[in-house]
Amino acid sequence: MNKYDIVIIGSGLGGLKTAYILAKEGLSVCVLEQGDQFGGAIQNFKREGVVFDTGAHYVGALDQGQLLHRFFNYFDLNSRVNVKRLDQDCFDKISFGDDDKQYAHAMGFDNFTEKISLAFPKEREIVSRYAKDVKKMGDAFPLFNMSATSAVEEVGKYTKTSLSDYISSLTPNKRLQNVFLGSNLLYTGEENKTPLYVHGLITNSYIQSSYRFVGGSGQLAEFLIDSIRSFGGIVLKKKKVVKLNMKGSRISHAETDEGEVFFADHFISNVHPKPTFEMLPADITKKVYFRRVSSIENTVSVFSLYIVFKKNKFKYLNYNVYHHRNNDVWTSKKYNLSDWPKSLLFLTQPPENGGEFADGATVMSLMNYSEFEKWEGTEIEKRPDDYNELKRIREERLLDFVEERFPGIRESIQSVYSSTPLTYKDYTATAEGAIYGVTRDFNAQSRNAIMTNTKVPNLYLTGQNVNLHGVLGVGVGALMTASKFLGMDYLLKKMSDGE
């Protein structure tokens, strides 16, 4: 009989980090992955020899002593993962279709102020205030500073304030507002909805330092799995959990679509809450808590291009480009198809040979899942012709927008591949292909909050829905989930000591 202390459903980064912590501390852990590739949104794939990331295109706070660096020490990743630091004076370049200027987001809070103030010299004090506020937000959240002590009032200022209200209060200058918010695709910020802290914590980490993975973010999954197995943990793929069977008020075992059963004392889901709860008996999920969590709105999805360049044709850019059609960066799920794409993120993969030319580039633009929803249930690479035709139309439209930002780029392109919101859903198992899981809404903080504990006593959640998305956010989330078994003070001491 397969019996463990803990069974973890899903091998996304949150699940793997949680498994690593628990296995390292001596608990018997089994990770069950439904697909044939581990990693969830940190999967890599190759096209014509070029490595592309599904997600985790760049990370923040990885300099010596910063939070992700300290996490990576604990997870034994710093000496193993191959990374490249982005440009100190411009890790993100913000541009607009109605403006010839380009605006730099720079590393270091003083440096960030200096670079933006060059474009807005009369508003230097406002830029300085913004940078200081972003730094304060990072300092206010205890787990982002390896502390278990929470200043509730200070944290509340940022969770109970909308990002749009804060930005509007800084300055009436719409261009400056949108330069501050230029990397909005990182968190799909919605006007009058997104809480200030989401923008603040994410932006804070990148201003501290920004890095890309050389060879893809999939190396994180590879190294974590190696370590989990070395601790005695089990990590299995092609094990799709379809049922969580109960004995009394607790889950007794997980059952796969092929009838395999895995018994455990506790279960942790790295899967979106809605499909997680659908694995439970119907009489359980009819209760108010399960209905509430299952009904939380999801973030928008994404359409992506994966460009393979001709040899020595397009230079590697050691920064990310966020380009917006006009002076409005807010995410809108109610766009007209005629004005899509509204914004894009363009980035080049770091050449593994260290050369000056890029082998490939990734382009991302937000898109509603509903555009491709009618083909849900069709098989990857066996979709019908009408699906492929719409995909081709969207591909060309996004390429046209890329061409506006990089005139003549088509001459450097050897081939283009693309993925739709349905592709993203099928590969990452996220509900509606939501790029960042559930929506954070400052208007409904308590109703939309997803905690590590659930109303089933031995079922817990981890991953981007629990705390915050991204490599850093899910690391904090994994720490929160693992602390339910090991204690927060104990784990923080372990990580602070560099063990």
Protein backbone atom coordinates (compact mmCIF):
# COMPACT_ATOMS: atom_id res chain seq x y z
CA MET A 1 0.00 0.00 0.00
CA ASN A 2 1.23 3.51 -0.91
CA LYS A 3 1.17 5.35 2.45
CA TYR A 4 2.91 8.65 3.21
CA ASP A 5 2.90 11.44 5.75
CA ILE A 6 1.95 13.87 3.00
CA VAL A 7 0.74 13.58 -0.59
CA ILE A 8 1.15 16.70 -2.74
CA ILE A 9 -1.01 17.07 -5.83
CA GLY A 10 0.75 18.95 -8.62
CA SER A 11 4.43 19.57 -9.33
CA GLY A 12 4.28 23.30 -9.95
CA LEU A 13 6.93 25.38 -8.21
CA GLY A 14 4.80 25.82 -5.08
CA GLY A 15 4.27 22.08 -4.76
CA LEU A 16 7.94 21.28 -5.32
CA LYS A 17 9.16 23.89 -2.84
CA THR A 18 6.68 22.67 -0.24
CA ALA A 19 7.74 19.07 -0.87
CA TYR A 20 11.41 20.01 -0.56
CA ILE A 21 10.92 21.68 2.83
CA LEU A 22 8.87 18.80 4.26
CA ALA A 23 11.08 16.03 2.86
CA LYS A 24 14.22 17.80 4.05
CA GLU A 25 12.73 17.83 7.54
CA GLY A 26 12.22 14.07 7.49
CA LEU A 27 8.56 13.69 6.51
CA SER A 28 7.64 11.05 3.91
CA VAL A 29 6.37 12.96 0.89
CA CYS A 30 4.91 11.90 -2.46
CA VAL A 31 4.29 14.40 -5.29
CA LEU A 32 1.77 13.39 -7.96
CA GLU A 33 1.92 15.19 -11.31
CA GLN A 34 -0.86 14.62 -13.87
CA GLY A 35 1.21 15.55 -16.93
CA ASP A 36 4.25 14.01 -18.54
CA GLN A 37 6.44 16.97 -17.59
CA PHE A 38 7.13 18.39 -14.14
CA GLY A 39 7.13 22.04 -13.18
CA GLY A 40 3.75 23.56 -14.07
CA ALA A 41 4.36 27.15 -15.19
CA ILE A 42 8.15 26.73 -14.92
CA GLN A 43 8.22 24.11 -17.69
CA ASN A 44 10.57 24.63 -20.61
CA PHE A 45 10.22 23.46 -24.18
CA LYS A 46 12.43 23.61 -27.26
CA ARG A 47 11.72 24.73 -30.78
CA GLU A 48 14.49 24.27 -33.35
CA GLY A 49 16.99 23.93 -30.52
CA VAL A 50 15.93 27.16 -28.79
CA VAL A 51 14.77 26.89 -25.15
CA PHE A 52 11.59 28.79 -24.21
CA ASP A 53 9.97 29.32 -20.81
CA THR A 54 6.28 28.74 -20.14
CA GLY A 55 6.47 31.18 -17.22
CA ALA A 56 9.03 32.55 -14.74
CA HIS A 57 10.70 34.62 -17.43
CA TYR A 58 12.66 36.65 -14.90
CA VAL A 59 12.98 36.93 -11.14
CA GLY A 60 13.75 39.59 -8.55
CA ALA A 61 15.59 39.95 -5.23
CA LEU A 62 18.35 37.49 -6.16
CA ASP A 63 21.40 39.55 -5.19
CA GLN A 64 23.45 38.36 -2.22
CA GLY A 65 21.46 38.76 1.00
CA GLN A 66 18.13 39.50 -0.72
CA LEU A 67 15.08 37.32 -0.09
CA LEU A 68 15.12 35.07 -3.16
CA HIS A 69 18.86 34.57 -2.76
CA ARG A 70 18.25 33.45 0.84
CA PHE A 71 15.48 31.11 -0.31
CA PHE A 72 17.73 29.71 -3.02
CA ASN A 73 20.40 29.08 -0.38
CA TYR A 74 17.94 27.01 1.62
CA PHE A 75 16.80 25.11 -1.48
CA ASP A 76 20.44 24.58 -2.55
CA LEU A 77 19.84 26.38 -5.84
CA ASN A 78 22.29 29.29 -5.88
CA SER A 79 25.27 27.12 -6.83
CA ARG A 80 23.28 25.08 -9.35
CA VAL A 81 21.00 27.45 -11.27
CA ASN A 82 22.47 29.37 -14.20
CA VAL A 83 21.27 32.99 -14.20
CA LYS A 84 22.12 36.28 -15.91
CA ARG A 85 21.69 39.65 -14.21
CA LEU A 86 19.78 42.19 -16.29
CA ASP A 87 21.01 45.73 -16.95
CA GLN A 88 21.46 47.73 -13.77
CA ASP A 89 20.21 50.94 -15.36
CA CYS A 90 17.31 49.37 -17.28
CA PHE A 91 15.89 45.96 -16.50
CA ASP A 92 12.46 46.94 -17.88
CA LYS A 93 11.98 49.38 -20.75
CA ILE A 94 8.51 50.94 -20.98
CA SER A 95 7.20 52.40 -24.23
CA PHE A 96 3.95 53.63 -25.76
CA GLY A 97 2.69 53.66 -29.33
CA ASP A 98 1.86 57.36 -29.14
CA ASP A 99 5.26 58.40 -27.73
CA ASP A 100 8.79 58.20 -29.18
CA LYS A 101 10.36 58.18 -25.71
CA GLN A 102 11.34 55.01 -23.86
CA TYR A 103 11.37 54.89 -20.07
CA ALA A 104 13.75 52.84 -17.95
CA HIS A 105 13.02 50.95 -14.74
CA ALA A 106 16.40 50.67 -13.05
CA MET A 107 17.71 48.54 -10.19
CA GLY A 108 18.28 50.19 -6.82
CA PHE A 109 15.67 52.56 -5.40
CA ASP A 110 17.83 55.68 -5.77
CA ASN A 111 18.87 54.63 -9.25
CA PHE A 112 15.22 53.97 -10.14
CA THR A 113 14.37 57.52 -9.04
CA GLU A 114 17.24 59.00 -11.02
CA LYS A 115 16.43 57.26 -14.30
CA ILE A 116 12.72 58.10 -14.32
CA SER A 117 13.39 61.64 -13.14
CA LEU A 118 15.48 62.21 -16.27
CA ALA A 119 12.25 61.96 -18.25
CA PHE A 120 10.16 63.81 -15.64
CA PRO A 121 12.53 66.38 -14.08
CA LYS A 122 9.73 68.55 -12.70
CA GLU A 123 8.26 65.60 -10.84
CA ARG A 124 11.41 64.27 -9.19
CA GLU A 125 9.87 64.53 -5.72
CA ILE A 126 6.89 62.44 -6.82
CA VAL A 127 9.17 59.79 -8.35
CA SER A 128 11.24 59.74 -5.18
CA ARG A 129 8.13 59.37 -3.04
CA TYR A 130 6.91 56.49 -5.19
CA ALA A 131 10.26 54.66 -4.93
CA LYS A 132 10.32 55.13 -1.16
CA ASP A 133 6.74 53.88 -0.85
CA VAL A 134 7.56 50.73 -2.85
CA LYS A 135 10.54 50.10 -0.60
CA LYS A 136 8.36 50.57 2.51
CA MET A 137 5.87 48.03 1.18
CA GLY A 138 8.58 45.40 0.92
CA ASP A 139 9.75 46.22 4.43
CA ALA A 140 6.21 46.03 5.88
CA PHE A 141 5.40 42.40 5.02
CA PRO A 142 7.05 40.13 7.59
CA LEU A 143 7.65 36.98 5.53
CA PHE A 144 9.29 39.06 2.81
CA ASN A 145 11.84 39.96 5.48
CA MET A 146 12.18 36.51 7.07
CA SER A 147 10.17 37.53 10.12
CA ALA A 148 7.09 36.01 11.73
CA THR A 149 6.13 39.30 13.42
CA SER A 150 3.39 41.19 11.61
CA ALA A 151 2.68 44.91 11.89
CA VAL A 152 -1.01 44.47 11.12
CA GLU A 153 -1.79 48.17 10.80
CA GLU A 154 1.13 48.80 8.44
CA VAL A 155 0.27 45.79 6.24
CA GLY A 156 -3.39 46.83 6.19
CA LYS A 157 -2.52 50.15 4.57
CA TYR A 158 -1.37 48.28 1.49
CA THR A 159 -3.90 45.46 1.36
CA LYS A 160 -6.93 47.71 1.85
CA THR A 161 -5.91 50.37 -0.68
CA SER A 162 -6.44 50.07 -4.41
CA LEU A 163 -3.43 50.44 -6.65
CA SER A 164 -5.30 52.84 -8.95
CA ASP A 165 -6.30 55.13 -6.07
CA TYR A 166 -2.71 55.25 -4.83
CA ILE A 167 -1.23 55.99 -8.25
CA SER A 168 -3.82 58.69 -8.95
CA SER A 169 -3.04 60.33 -5.61
CA LEU A 170 0.63 60.66 -6.52
CA THR A 171 0.27 62.76 -9.64
CA PRO A 172 -2.31 63.86 -12.25
CA ASN A 173 0.33 63.18 -14.93
CA LYS A 174 -1.15 60.15 -16.76
CA ARG A 175 2.08 59.39 -18.57
CA LEU A 176 4.05 59.21 -15.34
CA GLN A 177 1.32 57.09 -13.76
CA ASN A 178 1.59 54.66 -16.66
CA VAL A 179 5.38 54.60 -16.53
CA PHE A 180 5.13 53.54 -12.87
CA LEU A 181 2.62 50.87 -13.92
CA GLY A 182 4.36 49.95 -17.18
CA SER A 183 5.12 46.34 -16.22
CA ASN A 184 1.46 45.70 -15.41
CA LEU A 185 1.51 42.40 -17.31
CA LEU A 186 3.50 41.02 -14.35
CA TYR A 187 0.35 40.99 -12.22
CA THR A 188 -2.54 41.90 -14.58
CA GLY A 189 -3.50 44.98 -12.59
CA GLU A 190 -7.13 46.05 -12.96
CA GLU A 191 -8.25 49.60 -12.27
CA ASN A 192 -10.30 49.95 -9.06
CA LYS A 193 -9.67 46.32 -8.18
CA THR A 194 -5.99 45.35 -7.75
CA PRO A 195 -4.72 45.95 -4.20
CA LEU A 196 -1.69 48.19 -3.80
CA TYR A 197 0.40 45.47 -2.13
CA VAL A 198 0.36 43.22 -5.24
CA HIS A 199 2.10 45.88 -7.32
CA GLY A 200 4.29 46.96 -4.41
CA LEU A 201 5.75 43.57 -3.47
CA ILE A 202 6.39 42.49 -7.05
CA THR A 203 7.90 45.80 -8.14
CA ASN A 204 9.98 45.97 -4.96
CA SER A 205 11.66 42.63 -5.72
CA TYR A 206 12.64 43.62 -9.26
CA ILE A 207 13.98 47.03 -8.26
CA GLN A 208 16.20 45.22 -5.75
CA SER A 209 17.69 43.10 -8.54
CA SER A 210 16.49 41.34 -11.69
CA TYR A 211 17.73 38.14 -13.31
CA ARG A 212 16.90 35.75 -16.15
CA PHE A 213 17.50 32.02 -16.21
CA VAL A 214 20.08 30.92 -18.77
CA GLY A 215 18.78 27.68 -20.23
CA GLY A 216 15.29 28.15 -18.88
CA SER A 217 13.45 28.17 -15.57
CA GLY A 218 12.79 24.43 -15.86
CA GLN A 219 16.15 23.87 -14.17
CA LEU A 220 14.45 24.89 -10.91
CA ALA A 221 12.10 21.89 -11.16
CA GLU A 222 14.92 19.58 -12.16
CA PHE A 223 17.14 20.48 -9.20
CA LEU A 224 14.31 20.55 -6.66
CA ILE A 225 13.13 17.10 -7.75
CA ASP A 226 16.68 15.72 -7.50
CA SER A 227 16.88 17.02 -3.94
CA ILE A 228 13.41 15.79 -2.93
CA ARG A 229 14.35 12.31 -4.11
CA SER A 230 17.68 12.47 -2.29
CA PHE A 231 15.71 13.15 0.93
CA GLY A 232 13.66 10.01 0.30
CA GLY A 233 10.68 11.75 -1.29
CA ILE A 234 8.76 10.33 -4.25
CA VAL A 235 7.95 12.42 -7.33
CA LEU A 236 5.78 10.76 -9.98
CA LYS A 237 4.37 11.96 -13.30
CA LYS A 238 1.34 10.79 -15.32
CA LYS A 239 -0.60 10.40 -12.07
CA LYS A 240 -3.79 12.42 -12.51
CA VAL A 241 -5.66 12.63 -9.23
CA VAL A 242 -9.42 12.60 -9.85
CA LYS A 243 -10.79 11.76 -6.41
CA LEU A 244 -10.01 12.62 -2.81
CA ASN A 245 -11.80 9.94 -0.83
CA MET A 246 -13.00 10.63 2.70
CA LYS A 247 -13.06 8.60 5.89
CA GLY A 248 -15.20 10.53 8.30
CA SER A 249 -14.24 14.21 8.13
CA ARG A 250 -10.74 13.60 6.75
CA ILE A 251 -9.30 12.55 3.41
CA SER A 252 -8.01 8.99 3.54
CA HIS A 253 -6.53 8.60 0.08
CA ALA A 254 -6.12 10.14 -3.37
CA GLU A 255 -7.25 8.15 -6.38
CA THR A 256 -5.92 8.57 -9.94
CA ASP A 257 -7.77 8.22 -13.23
CA GLU A 258 -6.18 4.77 -13.59
CA GLY A 259 -7.42 3.63 -10.20
CA GLU A 260 -4.18 3.89 -8.26
CA VAL A 261 -4.58 4.96 -4.64
CA PHE A 262 -2.19 6.93 -2.43
CA PHE A 263 -2.87 7.04 1.30
CA ALA A 264 -1.53 9.81 3.53
CA ASP A 265 -2.11 11.55 6.83
CA HIS A 266 -2.27 14.91 5.08
CA PHE A 267 -2.82 16.18 1.52
CA ILE A 268 -1.57 19.40 -0.07
CA SER A 269 -2.88 20.68 -3.40
CA ASN A 270 -0.73 22.78 -5.69
CA VAL A 271 -3.68 22.79 -8.09
CA HIS A 272 -6.15 25.67 -8.42
CA PRO A 273 -8.77 25.49 -5.61
CA LYS A 274 -11.75 24.90 -7.93
CA PRO A 275 -10.47 21.67 -9.57
CA THR A 276 -9.06 20.65 -6.18
CA PHE A 277 -12.48 20.85 -4.56
CA GLU A 278 -14.08 19.06 -7.51
CA MET A 279 -12.06 15.99 -6.44
CA LEU A 280 -13.96 15.92 -3.11
CA PRO A 281 -17.36 14.24 -2.59
CA ALA A 282 -20.29 16.39 -3.74
CA ASP A 283 -21.84 16.61 -0.27
CA ILE A 284 -18.66 18.28 0.99
CA THR A 285 -18.35 20.86 -1.79
CA LYS A 286 -21.94 22.06 -1.43
CA LYS A 287 -20.94 23.85 1.75
CA VAL A 288 -20.56 27.65 1.76
CA TYR A 289 -16.75 27.74 2.09
CA PHE A 290 -16.17 25.51 -0.96
CA ARG A 291 -18.70 27.39 -3.06
CA ARG A 292 -17.13 30.72 -2.12
CA VAL A 293 -13.55 29.74 -2.93
CA SER A 294 -14.56 27.96 -6.14
CA SER A 295 -16.39 31.05 -7.38
CA ILE A 296 -13.50 33.54 -7.01
CA GLU A 297 -12.81 35.17 -10.35
CA ASN A 298 -9.60 34.19 -12.16
CA THR A 299 -7.06 36.47 -13.75
CA VAL A 300 -6.96 36.86 -17.49
CA SER A 301 -5.01 34.39 -19.65
CA VAL A 302 -2.27 34.96 -22.23
CA PHE A 303 -1.45 34.52 -25.91
CA SER A 304 2.26 33.97 -26.56
CA LEU A 305 4.63 33.96 -29.51
CA TYR A 306 7.88 32.00 -29.51
CA ILE A 307 10.22 33.43 -32.12
CA VAL A 308 13.26 31.62 -33.50
CA PHE A 309 15.72 34.09 -35.03
CA LYS A 310 18.00 33.61 -37.97
CA LYS A 311 21.61 33.30 -36.89
CA ASN A 312 23.32 36.58 -35.92
CA LYS A 313 20.35 38.71 -36.96
CA PHE A 314 18.75 40.10 -33.79
CA LYS A 315 20.86 41.29 -30.87
CA TYR A 316 20.21 40.00 -27.39
CA LEU A 317 18.47 42.59 -25.21
CA ASN A 318 19.47 42.41 -21.56
CA TYR A 319 16.20 44.00 -20.49
CA ASN A 320 12.49 43.39 -20.95
CA VAL A 321 10.31 45.53 -23.19
CA TYR A 322 6.76 46.44 -22.15
CA HIS A 323 5.02 48.18 -25.03
CA HIS A 324 1.52 49.68 -24.84
CA ARG A 325 -0.66 50.79 -27.70
CA ASN A 326 -1.59 54.03 -25.94
CA ASN A 327 -1.39 55.85 -22.63
CA ASP A 328 -3.37 53.21 -20.72
CA VAL A 329 -1.76 50.14 -19.18
CA TRP A 330 -4.66 48.76 -17.12
CA THR A 331 -5.79 45.23 -17.83
CA SER A 332 -9.28 45.01 -19.26
CA LYS A 333 -11.16 41.77 -19.82
CA LYS A 334 -13.70 43.69 -21.89
CA TYR A 335 -11.49 44.60 -24.81
CA ASN A 336 -12.80 44.72 -28.35
CA LEU A 337 -11.23 42.16 -30.65
CA SER A 338 -10.47 44.99 -33.07
CA ASP A 339 -8.09 46.70 -30.60
CA TRP A 340 -6.25 43.56 -29.43
CA PRO A 341 -3.38 43.45 -28.59
CA LYS A 342 -3.39 46.36 -26.22
CA SER A 343 0.01 45.69 -24.61
CA LEU A 344 2.87 43.24 -24.91
CA LEU A 345 5.93 41.94 -23.13
CA PHE A 346 8.91 41.20 -25.39
CA LEU A 347 12.04 39.50 -24.11
CA THR A 348 14.97 37.66 -25.63
CA GLN A 349 16.35 34.41 -24.24
CA PRO A 350 19.90 34.74 -22.89
CA PRO A 351 22.25 33.05 -25.39
CA GLU A 352 23.76 29.99 -23.74
CA ASN A 353 27.03 30.69 -25.55
CA GLY A 354 27.16 34.19 -24.08
CA GLY A 355 27.17 35.79 -27.52
CA GLU A 356 25.70 39.14 -28.53
CA PHE A 357 22.89 37.76 -30.70
CA ALA A 358 19.64 36.23 -29.50
CA ASP A 359 18.55 32.78 -30.61
CA GLY A 360 14.92 33.45 -29.76
CA ALA A 361 12.37 35.77 -28.19
CA THR A 362 9.11 35.40 -26.30
CA VAL A 363 6.18 37.77 -26.80
CA MET A 364 3.20 37.76 -24.45
CA SER A 365 -0.09 39.62 -24.60
CA LEU A 366 -3.05 39.16 -22.27
CA MET A 367 -6.13 37.49 -23.73
CA ASN A 368 -9.47 36.22 -22.41
CA TYR A 369 -9.84 32.47 -22.15
CA SER A 370 -13.32 32.80 -23.67
CA GLU A 371 -11.80 33.39 -27.12
CA PHE A 372 -10.72 29.74 -27.29
CA GLU A 373 -13.03 28.18 -24.73
CA LYS A 374 -15.26 26.39 -27.25
CA TRP A 375 -12.36 24.07 -28.15
CA GLU A 376 -11.88 22.97 -24.54
CA GLY A 377 -11.46 19.20 -24.42
CA THR A 378 -9.78 18.95 -27.82
CA GLU A 379 -6.33 17.43 -27.87
CA ILE A 380 -3.10 19.45 -28.08
CA GLU A 381 -1.65 19.43 -31.62
CA LYS A 382 -4.90 17.82 -32.84
CA ARG A 383 -7.15 20.87 -32.63
CA PRO A 384 -9.68 21.45 -35.46
CA ASP A 385 -9.04 23.73 -38.42
CA ASP A 386 -11.17 26.63 -37.15
CA TYR A 387 -9.11 26.73 -33.94
CA ASN A 388 -5.87 26.83 -35.93
CA GLU A 389 -7.23 29.55 -38.20
CA LEU A 390 -8.14 31.83 -35.28
CA LYS A 391 -4.76 31.10 -33.70
CA ARG A 392 -3.03 32.10 -36.96
CA ILE A 393 -5.02 35.36 -37.15
CA ARG A 394 -4.12 36.28 -33.57
CA GLU A 395 -0.49 35.33 -34.22
CA GLU A 396 -0.25 37.69 -37.19
CA ARG A 397 -1.93 40.53 -35.32
CA LEU A 398 0.50 40.24 -32.42
CA LEU A 399 3.44 40.06 -34.83
CA ASP A 400 2.22 43.27 -36.47
CA PHE A 401 2.26 44.94 -33.04
CA VAL A 402 5.78 43.66 -32.39
CA GLU A 403 6.81 45.11 -35.75
CA GLU A 404 5.50 48.53 -34.67
CA ARG A 405 7.86 48.41 -31.69
CA PHE A 406 10.77 46.81 -33.59
CA PRO A 407 10.52 47.94 -37.21
CA GLY A 408 12.01 45.39 -39.60
CA ILE A 409 12.10 42.53 -37.07
CA ARG A 410 10.35 40.14 -39.45
CA GLU A 411 13.50 40.10 -41.57
CA SER A 412 15.35 38.55 -38.61
CA ILE A 413 12.76 35.86 -37.93
CA GLN A 414 13.30 32.28 -39.04
CA SER A 415 10.06 30.85 -37.64
CA VAL A 416 7.26 31.60 -35.19
CA TYR A 417 5.31 29.32 -32.86
CA SER A 418 2.40 30.37 -30.68
CA SER A 419 0.25 29.27 -27.77
CA THR A 420 -3.30 30.26 -26.83
CA PRO A 421 -5.05 30.51 -23.46
CA LEU A 422 -6.25 26.94 -24.09
CA THR A 423 -2.66 25.78 -24.61
CA TYR A 424 -1.68 27.45 -21.35
CA LYS A 425 -4.56 25.78 -19.53
CA ASP A 426 -3.75 22.32 -20.86
CA TYR A 427 -0.03 22.49 -20.04
CA THR A 428 -0.25 24.17 -16.63
CA ALA A 429 -3.64 22.86 -15.43
CA THR A 430 -4.75 26.33 -14.35
CA ALA A 431 -8.47 27.09 -14.35
CA GLU A 432 -9.43 29.08 -17.49
CA GLY A 433 -5.74 29.33 -18.35
CA ALA A 434 -5.45 32.03 -15.68
CA ILE A 435 -1.92 33.30 -15.90
CA TYR A 436 -1.74 34.22 -12.18
CA GLY A 437 -4.54 32.14 -10.65
CA VAL A 438 -7.29 33.89 -8.72
CA THR A 439 -7.89 37.61 -8.91
CA ARG A 440 -6.83 39.79 -5.96
CA ASP A 441 -9.53 42.38 -5.31
CA PHE A 442 -9.13 44.99 -2.59
CA ASN A 443 -12.94 45.42 -2.55
CA ALA A 444 -13.35 41.83 -1.33
CA GLN A 445 -10.21 41.01 0.62
CA SER A 446 -11.83 38.65 3.11
CA ARG A 447 -14.15 36.99 0.59
CA ASN A 448 -11.35 36.40 -1.92
CA ALA A 449 -8.67 35.35 0.55
CA ILE A 450 -7.37 31.81 0.04
CA MET A 451 -5.63 30.41 3.09
CA THR A 452 -3.32 27.41 3.34
CA ASN A 453 -5.89 25.61 5.51
CA THR A 454 -9.21 24.42 4.11
CA LYS A 455 -12.41 23.26 5.81
CA VAL A 456 -11.22 19.67 5.40
CA PRO A 457 -8.92 19.18 8.41
CA ASN A 458 -6.12 17.41 6.54
CA LEU A 459 -6.31 19.25 3.19
CA TYR A 460 -4.03 22.24 2.58
CA LEU A 461 -3.28 24.51 -0.36
CA THR A 462 -0.02 25.87 -1.75
CA GLY A 463 1.08 27.71 -4.89
CA GLN A 464 0.29 31.06 -6.47
CA ASN A 465 -3.30 31.24 -5.25
CA VAL A 466 -2.31 31.15 -1.57
CA ASN A 467 0.04 34.10 -1.29
CA LEU A 468 1.29 35.67 -4.50
CA HIS A 469 2.40 34.39 -7.88
CA GLY A 470 5.96 34.34 -9.20
CA VAL A 471 9.07 32.47 -8.06
CA LEU A 472 9.37 34.64 -4.96
CA GLY A 473 5.64 34.72 -4.16
CA VAL A 474 5.16 30.95 -4.33
CA GLY A 475 8.32 30.52 -2.26
CA VAL A 476 6.70 32.53 0.52
CA GLY A 477 3.50 30.54 -0.02
CA ALA A 478 5.38 27.24 0.30
CA LEU A 479 6.90 28.48 3.54
CA MET A 480 3.41 29.31 4.84
CA THR A 481 2.06 25.87 3.94
CA ALA A 482 5.05 23.94 5.32
CA SER A 483 4.86 25.93 8.56
CA LYS A 484 1.53 24.23 9.32
CA PHE A 485 3.54 21.06 9.91
CA LEU A 486 6.87 22.39 11.16
CA GLY A 487 6.20 25.78 12.76
CA MET A 488 7.01 29.18 11.27
CA ASP A 489 9.67 30.23 13.81
CA TYR A 490 11.52 26.95 13.27
CA LEU A 491 11.53 27.29 9.48
CA LEU A 492 12.53 30.95 9.50
CA LYS A 493 15.48 30.14 11.72
CA LYS A 494 16.51 27.34 9.37
CA MET A 495 16.35 29.63 6.36
CA SER A 496 18.02 32.54 8.14
CA ASP A 497 20.86 30.26 9.17
CA GLY A 498 21.32 29.30 5.53
CA GLU A 499 20.66 25.60 6.12
